[in-house]
Amino acid sequence: MQPPEAATRSPMGSILGTVRVVAALAVIVIATLAALVVFEVLPQEVLSRVATKVLLVGAIAIAAVGIVTLLVRPHGNN
Protein backbone atom coordinates (compact mmCIF):
# COMPACT_ATOMS: atom_id res chain seq x y z
CA MET A 1 0.00 0.00 0.00
CA GLN A 2 1.28 3.44 -0.94
CA PRO A 3 1.57 6.24 1.58
CA PRO A 4 -1.25 8.84 1.25
CA GLU A 5 1.04 11.55 -0.11
CA ALA A 6 2.27 9.25 -2.91
CA ALA A 7 -1.28 8.60 -4.08
CA THR A 8 -2.04 12.32 -4.45
CA ARG A 9 1.27 13.27 -6.06
CA SER A 10 0.81 14.57 -9.59
CA PRO A 11 3.23 13.99 -12.47
CA MET A 12 3.72 17.76 -12.71
CA GLY A 13 4.84 17.81 -9.07
CA SER A 14 7.42 15.14 -9.84
CA ILE A 15 8.74 17.15 -12.78
CA LEU A 16 9.04 20.28 -10.67
CA GLY A 17 10.80 18.34 -7.94
CA THR A 18 13.35 17.02 -10.43
CA VAL A 19 13.86 20.49 -11.91
CA ARG A 20 14.49 21.85 -8.42
CA VAL A 21 17.08 19.15 -7.73
CA VAL A 22 18.92 19.83 -11.01
CA ALA A 23 18.87 23.58 -10.36
CA ALA A 24 20.09 23.09 -6.79
CA LEU A 25 22.98 20.93 -7.99
CA ALA A 26 23.97 23.57 -10.55
CA VAL A 27 23.93 26.28 -7.87
CA ILE A 28 26.05 24.14 -5.53
CA VAL A 29 28.64 23.45 -8.25
CA ILE A 30 28.87 27.14 -9.21
CA ALA A 31 29.09 28.20 -5.54
CA THR A 32 31.89 25.71 -4.96
CA LEU A 33 33.81 27.01 -7.96
CA ALA A 34 33.27 30.61 -6.80
CA ALA A 35 34.68 29.72 -3.39
CA LEU A 36 37.73 28.18 -5.05
CA VAL A 37 38.23 31.42 -6.99
CA VAL A 38 37.97 33.46 -3.78
CA PHE A 39 40.62 31.26 -2.17
CA GLU A 40 42.74 31.66 -5.33
CA VAL A 41 42.80 27.93 -6.03
CA LEU A 42 41.33 28.50 -9.50
CA PRO A 43 41.79 31.49 -11.80
CA GLN A 44 38.69 33.62 -12.45
CA GLU A 45 38.63 32.64 -16.15
CA VAL A 46 37.98 29.04 -15.15
CA LEU A 47 34.91 30.10 -13.16
CA SER A 48 33.35 31.92 -16.11
CA ARG A 49 34.01 29.05 -18.54
CA VAL A 50 32.87 26.29 -16.21
CA ALA A 51 29.86 28.19 -14.85
CA THR A 52 28.53 28.65 -18.39
CA LYS A 53 28.97 24.95 -19.08
CA VAL A 54 27.29 23.99 -15.79
CA LEU A 55 24.28 26.17 -16.65
CA LEU A 56 24.06 24.66 -20.14
CA VAL A 57 24.23 21.11 -18.80
CA GLY A 58 21.56 21.96 -16.22
CA ALA A 59 19.29 23.33 -18.95
CA ILE A 60 19.84 20.20 -21.05
CA ALA A 61 19.03 17.98 -18.06
CA ILE A 62 15.83 19.91 -17.30
CA ALA A 63 14.73 19.70 -20.94
CA ALA A 64 15.48 15.97 -21.02
CA VAL A 65 13.42 15.36 -17.87
CA GLY A 66 10.48 17.23 -19.38
CA ILE A 67 10.63 15.36 -22.68
CA VAL A 68 11.01 11.94 -21.05
CA THR A 69 8.07 12.71 -18.77
CA LEU A 70 5.92 13.61 -21.76
CA LEU A 71 6.91 10.38 -23.52
CA VAL A 72 6.32 8.12 -20.53
CA ARG A 73 3.08 9.72 -19.28
CA PRO A 74 -0.10 7.77 -20.11
CA HIS A 75 -2.32 9.56 -22.63
CA GLY A 76 -5.81 8.74 -21.36
CA ASN A 77 -6.31 5.56 -23.41
CA ASN A 78 -7.13 3.54 -20.29
PDB file of N, CA and C in Angstrom:
ATOM      1  N   MET A   1       0.831  -1.176   0.000  1.00  0.00           N
ATOM      2  CA  MET A   1       0.000   0.000   0.000  1.00  0.00           C
ATOM      3  C   MET A   1       0.878   1.241   0.000  1.00  0.00           C
ATOM      4  N   GLN A   2       0.501   2.213  -0.837  1.00  0.00           N
ATOM      5  CA  GLN A   2       1.276   3.440  -0.945  1.00  0.00           C
ATOM      6  C   GLN A   2       0.920   4.406   0.182  1.00  0.00           C
ATOM      7  N   PRO A   3       1.897   5.214   0.602  1.00  0.00           N
ATOM      8  CA  PRO A   3       1.567   6.244   1.580  1.00  0.00           C
ATOM      9  C   PRO A   3       0.593   7.243   0.958  1.00  0.00           C
ATOM     10  N   PRO A   4      -0.232   7.919   1.784  1.00  0.00           N
ATOM     11  CA  PRO A   4      -1.248   8.836   1.250  1.00  0.00           C
ATOM     12  C   PRO A   4      -0.688   9.939   0.360  1.00  0.00           C
ATOM     13  N   GLU A   5       0.492  10.476   0.700  1.00  0.00           N
ATOM     14  CA  GLU A   5       1.039  11.554  -0.112  1.00  0.00           C
ATOM     15  C   GLU A   5       1.482  11.065  -1.481  1.00  0.00           C
ATOM     16  N   ALA A   6       1.859   9.795  -1.613  1.00  0.00           N
ATOM     17  CA  ALA A   6       2.267   9.252  -2.910  1.00  0.00           C
ATOM     18  C   ALA A   6       1.063   9.088  -3.824  1.00  0.00           C
ATOM     19  N   ALA A   7      -0.085   8.793  -3.267  1.00  0.00           N
ATOM     20  CA  ALA A   7      -1.279   8.599  -4.077  1.00  0.00           C
ATOM     21  C   ALA A   7      -1.776   9.920  -4.660  1.00  0.00           C
ATOM     22  N   THR A   8      -1.555  11.032  -3.980  1.00  0.00           N
ATOM     23  CA  THR A   8      -2.041  12.320  -4.454  1.00  0.00           C
ATOM     24  C   THR A   8      -0.991  13.099  -5.232  1.00  0.00           C
ATOM     25  N   ARG A   9       0.190  12.582  -5.359  1.00  0.00           N
ATOM     26  CA  ARG A   9       1.270  13.274  -6.055  1.00  0.00           C
ATOM     27  C   ARG A   9       0.988  13.287  -7.555  1.00  0.00           C
ATOM     28  N   SER A  10       1.071  14.458  -8.162  1.00  0.00           N
ATOM     29  CA  SER A  10       0.806  14.569  -9.591  1.00  0.00           C
ATOM     30  C   SER A  10       2.104  14.434 -10.372  1.00  0.00           C
ATOM     31  N   PRO A  11       2.018  14.055 -11.650  1.00  0.00           N
ATOM     32  CA  PRO A  11       3.233  13.987 -12.466  1.00  0.00           C
ATOM     33  C   PRO A  11       3.920  15.344 -12.584  1.00  0.00           C
ATOM     34  N   MET A  12       3.139  16.420 -12.615  1.00  0.00           N
ATOM     35  CA  MET A  12       3.721  17.758 -12.709  1.00  0.00           C
ATOM     36  C   MET A  12       4.536  18.080 -11.460  1.00  0.00           C
ATOM     37  N   GLY A  13       4.078  17.610 -10.302  1.00  0.00           N
ATOM     38  CA  GLY A  13       4.836  17.810  -9.071  1.00  0.00           C
ATOM     39  C   GLY A  13       6.158  17.077  -9.101  1.00  0.00           C
ATOM     40  N   SER A  14       6.176  15.895  -9.709  1.00  0.00           N
ATOM     41  CA  SER A  14       7.415  15.137  -9.841  1.00  0.00           C
ATOM     42  C   SER A  14       8.396  15.847 -10.760  1.00  0.00           C
ATOM     43  N   ILE A  15       7.883  16.414 -11.852  1.00  0.00           N
ATOM     44  CA  ILE A  15       8.743  17.148 -12.777  1.00  0.00           C
ATOM     45  C   ILE A  15       9.354  18.349 -12.080  1.00  0.00           C
ATOM     46  N   LEU A  16       8.528  19.100 -11.366  1.00  0.00           N
ATOM     47  CA  LEU A  16       9.038  20.279 -10.672  1.00  0.00           C
ATOM     48  C   LEU A  16      10.054  19.912  -9.599  1.00  0.00           C
ATOM     49  N   GLY A  17       9.830  18.794  -8.930  1.00  0.00           N
ATOM     50  CA  GLY A  17      10.801  18.336  -7.938  1.00  0.00           C
ATOM     51  C   GLY A  17      12.139  18.017  -8.577  1.00  0.00           C
ATOM     52  N   THR A  18      12.114  17.357  -9.723  1.00  0.00           N
ATOM     53  CA  THR A  18      13.348  17.017 -10.429  1.00  0.00           C
ATOM     54  C   THR A  18      14.043  18.270 -10.933  1.00  0.00           C
ATOM     55  N   VAL A  19      13.283  19.219 -11.443  1.00  0.00           N
ATOM     56  CA  VAL A  19      13.857  20.488 -11.913  1.00  0.00           C
ATOM     57  C   VAL A  19      14.525  21.221 -10.752  1.00  0.00           C
ATOM     58  N   ARG A  20      13.891  21.205  -9.598  1.00  0.00           N
ATOM     59  CA  ARG A  20      14.490  21.853  -8.420  1.00  0.00           C
ATOM     60  C   ARG A  20      15.797  21.189  -8.019  1.00  0.00           C
ATOM     61  N   VAL A  21      15.845  19.863  -8.091  1.00  0.00           N
ATOM     62  CA  VAL A  21      17.080  19.151  -7.731  1.00  0.00           C
ATOM     63  C   VAL A  21      18.197  19.491  -8.709  1.00  0.00           C
ATOM     64  N   VAL A  22      17.902  19.494 -10.011  1.00  0.00           N
ATOM     65  CA  VAL A  22      18.916  19.826 -11.013  1.00  0.00           C
ATOM     66  C   VAL A  22      19.402  21.259 -10.810  1.00  0.00           C
ATOM     67  N   ALA A  23      18.488  22.185 -10.584  1.00  0.00           N
ATOM     68  CA  ALA A  23      18.868  23.582 -10.365  1.00  0.00           C
ATOM     69  C   ALA A  23      19.708  23.736  -9.088  1.00  0.00           C
ATOM     70  N   ALA A  24      19.327  23.026  -8.047  1.00  0.00           N
ATOM     71  CA  ALA A  24      20.090  23.090  -6.794  1.00  0.00           C
ATOM     72  C   ALA A  24      21.509  22.557  -6.986  1.00  0.00           C
ATOM     73  N   LEU A  25      21.644  21.477  -7.729  1.00  0.00           N
ATOM     74  CA  LEU A  25      22.980  20.931  -7.991  1.00  0.00           C
ATOM     75  C   LEU A  25      23.830  21.924  -8.783  1.00  0.00           C
ATOM     76  N   ALA A  26      23.228  22.575  -9.770  1.00  0.00           N
ATOM     77  CA  ALA A  26      23.966  23.569 -10.552  1.00  0.00           C
ATOM     78  C   ALA A  26      24.429  24.719  -9.668  1.00  0.00           C
ATOM     79  N   VAL A  27      23.567  25.179  -8.777  1.00  0.00           N
ATOM     80  CA  VAL A  27      23.930  26.277  -7.869  1.00  0.00           C
ATOM     81  C   VAL A  27      25.065  25.846  -6.933  1.00  0.00           C
ATOM     82  N   ILE A  28      25.002  24.627  -6.435  1.00  0.00           N
ATOM     83  CA  ILE A  28      26.053  24.137  -5.526  1.00  0.00           C
ATOM     84  C   ILE A  28      27.396  24.050  -6.248  1.00  0.00           C
ATOM     85  N   VAL A  29      27.390  23.554  -7.492  1.00  0.00           N
ATOM     86  CA  VAL A  29      28.639  23.455  -8.252  1.00  0.00           C
ATOM     87  C   VAL A  29      29.222  24.841  -8.506  1.00  0.00           C
ATOM     88  N   ILE A  30      28.380  25.784  -8.929  1.00  0.00           N
ATOM     89  CA  ILE A  30      28.869  27.136  -9.206  1.00  0.00           C
ATOM     90  C   ILE A  30      29.353  27.815  -7.933  1.00  0.00           C
ATOM     91  N   ALA A  31      28.662  27.616  -6.817  1.00  0.00           N
ATOM     92  CA  ALA A  31      29.094  28.203  -5.545  1.00  0.00           C
ATOM     93  C   ALA A  31      30.438  27.630  -5.098  1.00  0.00           C
ATOM     94  N   THR A  32      30.613  26.331  -5.309  1.00  0.00           N
ATOM     95  CA  THR A  32      31.888  25.706  -4.956  1.00  0.00           C
ATOM     96  C   THR A  32      33.025  26.279  -5.798  1.00  0.00           C
ATOM     97  N   LEU A  33      32.784  26.426  -7.096  1.00  0.00           N
ATOM     98  CA  LEU A  33      33.807  27.013  -7.963  1.00  0.00           C
ATOM     99  C   LEU A  33      34.106  28.456  -7.569  1.00  0.00           C
ATOM    100  N   ALA A  34      33.067  29.217  -7.226  1.00  0.00           N
ATOM    101  CA  ALA A  34      33.275  30.607  -6.803  1.00  0.00           C
ATOM    102  C   ALA A  34      34.116  30.664  -5.533  1.00  0.00           C
ATOM    103  N   ALA A  35      33.871  29.752  -4.615  1.00  0.00           N
ATOM    104  CA  ALA A  35      34.677  29.717  -3.390  1.00  0.00           C
ATOM    105  C   ALA A  35      36.138  29.391  -3.712  1.00  0.00           C
ATOM    106  N   LEU A  36      36.349  28.504  -4.656  1.00  0.00           N
ATOM    107  CA  LEU A  36      37.726  28.181  -5.049  1.00  0.00           C
ATOM    108  C   LEU A  36      38.417  29.378  -5.701  1.00  0.00           C
ATOM    109  N   VAL A  37      37.668  30.194  -6.416  1.00  0.00           N
ATOM    110  CA  VAL A  37      38.235  31.423  -6.990  1.00  0.00           C
ATOM    111  C   VAL A  37      38.580  32.408  -5.885  1.00  0.00           C
ATOM    112  N   VAL A  38      37.710  32.540  -4.894  1.00  0.00           N
ATOM    113  CA  VAL A  38      37.969  33.458  -3.780  1.00  0.00           C
ATOM    114  C   VAL A  38      39.240  33.050  -3.037  1.00  0.00           C
ATOM    115  N   PHE A  39      39.427  31.749  -2.857  1.00  0.00           N
ATOM    116  CA  PHE A  39      40.622  31.262  -2.166  1.00  0.00           C
ATOM    117  C   PHE A  39      41.825  31.140  -3.097  1.00  0.00           C
ATOM    118  N   GLU A  40      41.673  31.629  -4.323  1.00  0.00           N
ATOM    119  CA  GLU A  40      42.741  31.662  -5.328  1.00  0.00           C
ATOM    120  C   GLU A  40      43.290  30.277  -5.659  1.00  0.00           C
ATOM    121  N   VAL A  41      42.419  29.277  -5.600  1.00  0.00           N
ATOM    122  CA  VAL A  41      42.798  27.928  -6.029  1.00  0.00           C
ATOM    123  C   VAL A  41      42.625  27.823  -7.545  1.00  0.00           C
ATOM    124  N   LEU A  42      41.596  28.473  -8.066  1.00  0.00           N
ATOM    125  CA  LEU A  42      41.326  28.500  -9.504  1.00  0.00           C
ATOM    126  C   LEU A  42      41.386  29.943  -9.996  1.00  0.00           C
ATOM    127  N   PRO A  43      41.850  30.147 -11.239  1.00  0.00           N
ATOM    128  CA  PRO A  43      41.789  31.491 -11.801  1.00  0.00           C
ATOM    129  C   PRO A  43      40.348  31.864 -12.159  1.00  0.00           C
ATOM    130  N   GLN A  44      40.057  33.144 -12.213  1.00  0.00           N
ATOM    131  CA  GLN A  44      38.694  33.623 -12.455  1.00  0.00           C
ATOM    132  C   GLN A  44      38.179  33.206 -13.824  1.00  0.00           C
ATOM    133  N   GLU A  45      39.049  33.058 -14.808  1.00  0.00           N
ATOM    134  CA  GLU A  45      38.633  32.640 -16.148  1.00  0.00           C
ATOM    135  C   GLU A  45      38.012  31.248 -16.126  1.00  0.00           C
ATOM    136  N   VAL A  46      38.520  30.395 -15.258  1.00  0.00           N
ATOM    137  CA  VAL A  46      37.980  29.039 -15.148  1.00  0.00           C
ATOM    138  C   VAL A  46      36.541  29.088 -14.651  1.00  0.00           C
ATOM    139  N   LEU A  47      36.271  29.978 -13.688  1.00  0.00           N
ATOM    140  CA  LEU A  47      34.909  30.101 -13.163  1.00  0.00           C
ATOM    141  C   LEU A  47      33.930  30.498 -14.257  1.00  0.00           C
ATOM    142  N   SER A  48      34.284  31.479 -15.071  1.00  0.00           N
ATOM    143  CA  SER A  48      33.347  31.918 -16.108  1.00  0.00           C
ATOM    144  C   SER A  48      33.119  30.839 -17.156  1.00  0.00           C
ATOM    145  N   ARG A  49      34.179  30.126 -17.544  1.00  0.00           N
ATOM    146  CA  ARG A  49      34.012  29.050 -18.539  1.00  0.00           C
ATOM    147  C   ARG A  49      33.195  27.893 -17.978  1.00  0.00           C
ATOM    148  N   VAL A  50      33.528  27.451 -16.795  1.00  0.00           N
ATOM    149  CA  VAL A  50      32.869  26.291 -16.214  1.00  0.00           C
ATOM    150  C   VAL A  50      31.436  26.626 -15.794  1.00  0.00           C
ATOM    151  N   ALA A  51      31.213  27.813 -15.273  1.00  0.00           N
ATOM    152  CA  ALA A  51      29.859  28.191 -14.853  1.00  0.00           C
ATOM    153  C   ALA A  51      28.908  28.183 -16.046  1.00  0.00           C
ATOM    154  N   THR A  52      29.363  28.680 -17.180  1.00  0.00           N
ATOM    155  CA  THR A  52      28.531  28.655 -18.388  1.00  0.00           C
ATOM    156  C   THR A  52      28.207  27.220 -18.783  1.00  0.00           C
ATOM    157  N   LYS A  53      29.194  26.354 -18.719  1.00  0.00           N
ATOM    158  CA  LYS A  53      28.974  24.950 -19.077  1.00  0.00           C
ATOM    159  C   LYS A  53      28.032  24.263 -18.089  1.00  0.00           C
ATOM    160  N   VAL A  54      28.173  24.579 -16.805  1.00  0.00           N
ATOM    161  CA  VAL A  54      27.287  23.987 -15.795  1.00  0.00           C
ATOM    162  C   VAL A  54      25.846  24.415 -16.044  1.00  0.00           C
ATOM    163  N   LEU A  55      25.633  25.682 -16.359  1.00  0.00           N
ATOM    164  CA  LEU A  55      24.282  26.167 -16.649  1.00  0.00           C
ATOM    165  C   LEU A  55      23.709  25.503 -17.902  1.00  0.00           C
ATOM    166  N   LEU A  56      24.525  25.328 -18.922  1.00  0.00           N
ATOM    167  CA  LEU A  56      24.061  24.661 -20.144  1.00  0.00           C
ATOM    168  C   LEU A  56      23.702  23.202 -19.884  1.00  0.00           C
ATOM    169  N   VAL A  57      24.530  22.501 -19.124  1.00  0.00           N
ATOM    170  CA  VAL A  57      24.235  21.108 -18.798  1.00  0.00           C
ATOM    171  C   VAL A  57      22.967  21.016 -17.948  1.00  0.00           C
ATOM    172  N   GLY A  58      22.783  21.941 -17.023  1.00  0.00           N
ATOM    173  CA  GLY A  58      21.557  21.964 -16.224  1.00  0.00           C
ATOM    174  C   GLY A  58      20.324  22.175 -17.086  1.00  0.00           C
ATOM    175  N   ALA A  59      20.417  23.092 -18.049  1.00  0.00           N
ATOM    176  CA  ALA A  59      19.287  23.334 -18.950  1.00  0.00           C
ATOM    177  C   ALA A  59      18.994  22.100 -19.804  1.00  0.00           C
ATOM    178  N   ILE A  60      20.022  21.431 -20.269  1.00  0.00           N
ATOM    179  CA  ILE A  60      19.838  20.203 -21.048  1.00  0.00           C
ATOM    180  C   ILE A  60      19.173  19.123 -20.195  1.00  0.00           C
ATOM    181  N   ALA A  61      19.609  18.993 -18.944  1.00  0.00           N
ATOM    182  CA  ALA A  61      19.026  17.979 -18.058  1.00  0.00           C
ATOM    183  C   ALA A  61      17.557  18.277 -17.780  1.00  0.00           C
ATOM    184  N   ILE A  62      17.230  19.537 -17.562  1.00  0.00           N
ATOM    185  CA  ILE A  62      15.834  19.910 -17.304  1.00  0.00           C
ATOM    186  C   ILE A  62      14.977  19.629 -18.532  1.00  0.00           C
ATOM    187  N   ALA A  63      15.479  19.969 -19.715  1.00  0.00           N
ATOM    188  CA  ALA A  63      14.729  19.701 -20.944  1.00  0.00           C
ATOM    189  C   ALA A  63      14.541  18.198 -21.146  1.00  0.00           C
ATOM    190  N   ALA A  64      15.574  17.423 -20.861  1.00  0.00           N
ATOM    191  CA  ALA A  64      15.478  15.970 -21.017  1.00  0.00           C
ATOM    192  C   ALA A  64      14.443  15.380 -20.069  1.00  0.00           C
ATOM    193  N   VAL A  65      14.408  15.848 -18.840  1.00  0.00           N
ATOM    194  CA  VAL A  65      13.417  15.357 -17.872  1.00  0.00           C
ATOM    195  C   VAL A  65      12.007  15.659 -18.365  1.00  0.00           C
ATOM    196  N   GLY A  66      11.800  16.864 -18.867  1.00  0.00           N
ATOM    197  CA  GLY A  66      10.484  17.232 -19.376  1.00  0.00           C
ATOM    198  C   GLY A  66      10.062  16.386 -20.566  1.00  0.00           C
ATOM    199  N   ILE A  67      10.966  16.149 -21.498  1.00  0.00           N
ATOM    200  CA  ILE A  67      10.634  15.358 -22.684  1.00  0.00           C
ATOM    201  C   ILE A  67      10.370  13.907 -22.316  1.00  0.00           C
ATOM    202  N   VAL A  68      11.218  13.333 -21.462  1.00  0.00           N
ATOM    203  CA  VAL A  68      11.009  11.941 -21.046  1.00  0.00           C
ATOM    204  C   VAL A  68       9.682  11.799 -20.314  1.00  0.00           C
ATOM    205  N   THR A  69       9.349  12.760 -19.489  1.00  0.00           N
ATOM    206  CA  THR A  69       8.074  12.715 -18.771  1.00  0.00           C
ATOM    207  C   THR A  69       6.892  12.738 -19.741  1.00  0.00           C
ATOM    208  N   LEU A  70       6.989  13.574 -20.769  1.00  0.00           N
ATOM    209  CA  LEU A  70       5.917  13.607 -21.759  1.00  0.00           C
ATOM    210  C   LEU A  70       5.817  12.286 -22.522  1.00  0.00           C
ATOM    211  N   LEU A  71       6.932  11.644 -22.792  1.00  0.00           N
ATOM    212  CA  LEU A  71       6.915  10.378 -23.520  1.00  0.00           C
ATOM    213  C   LEU A  71       6.408   9.216 -22.692  1.00  0.00           C
ATOM    214  N   VAL A  72       6.677   9.234 -21.404  1.00  0.00           N
ATOM    215  CA  VAL A  72       6.319   8.115 -20.527  1.00  0.00           C
ATOM    216  C   VAL A  72       4.899   8.238 -19.982  1.00  0.00           C
ATOM    217  N   ARG A  73       4.392   9.458 -19.870  1.00  0.00           N
ATOM    218  CA  ARG A  73       3.081   9.716 -19.282  1.00  0.00           C
ATOM    219  C   ARG A  73       1.973   9.017 -20.079  1.00  0.00           C
ATOM    220  N   PRO A  74       1.033   8.373 -19.389  1.00  0.00           N
ATOM    221  CA  PRO A  74      -0.102   7.771 -20.105  1.00  0.00           C
ATOM    222  C   PRO A  74      -0.974   8.854 -20.731  1.00  0.00           C
ATOM    223  N   HIS A  75      -1.573   8.549 -21.874  1.00  0.00           N
ATOM    224  CA  HIS A  75      -2.321   9.556 -22.633  1.00  0.00           C
ATOM    225  C   HIS A  75      -3.817   9.350 -22.596  1.00  0.00           C
ATOM    226  N   GLY A  76      -4.366   8.843 -21.522  1.00  0.00           N
ATOM    227  CA  GLY A  76      -5.815   8.743 -21.360  1.00  0.00           C
ATOM    228  C   GLY A  76      -6.473   7.627 -22.153  1.00  0.00           C
ATOM    229  N   ASN A  77      -5.732   6.701 -22.695  1.00  0.00           N
ATOM    230  CA  ASN A  77      -6.308   5.563 -23.411  1.00  0.00           C
ATOM    231  C   ASN A  77      -6.487   4.375 -22.485  1.00  0.00           C
ATOM    232  N   ASN A  78      -6.988   4.608 -21.297  1.00  0.00           N
ATOM    233  CA  ASN A  78      -7.135   3.536 -20.292  1.00  0.00           C
ATOM    234  C   ASN A  78      -8.328   2.706 -20.574  1.00  0.00           C
TER     235      ASN A  78
END
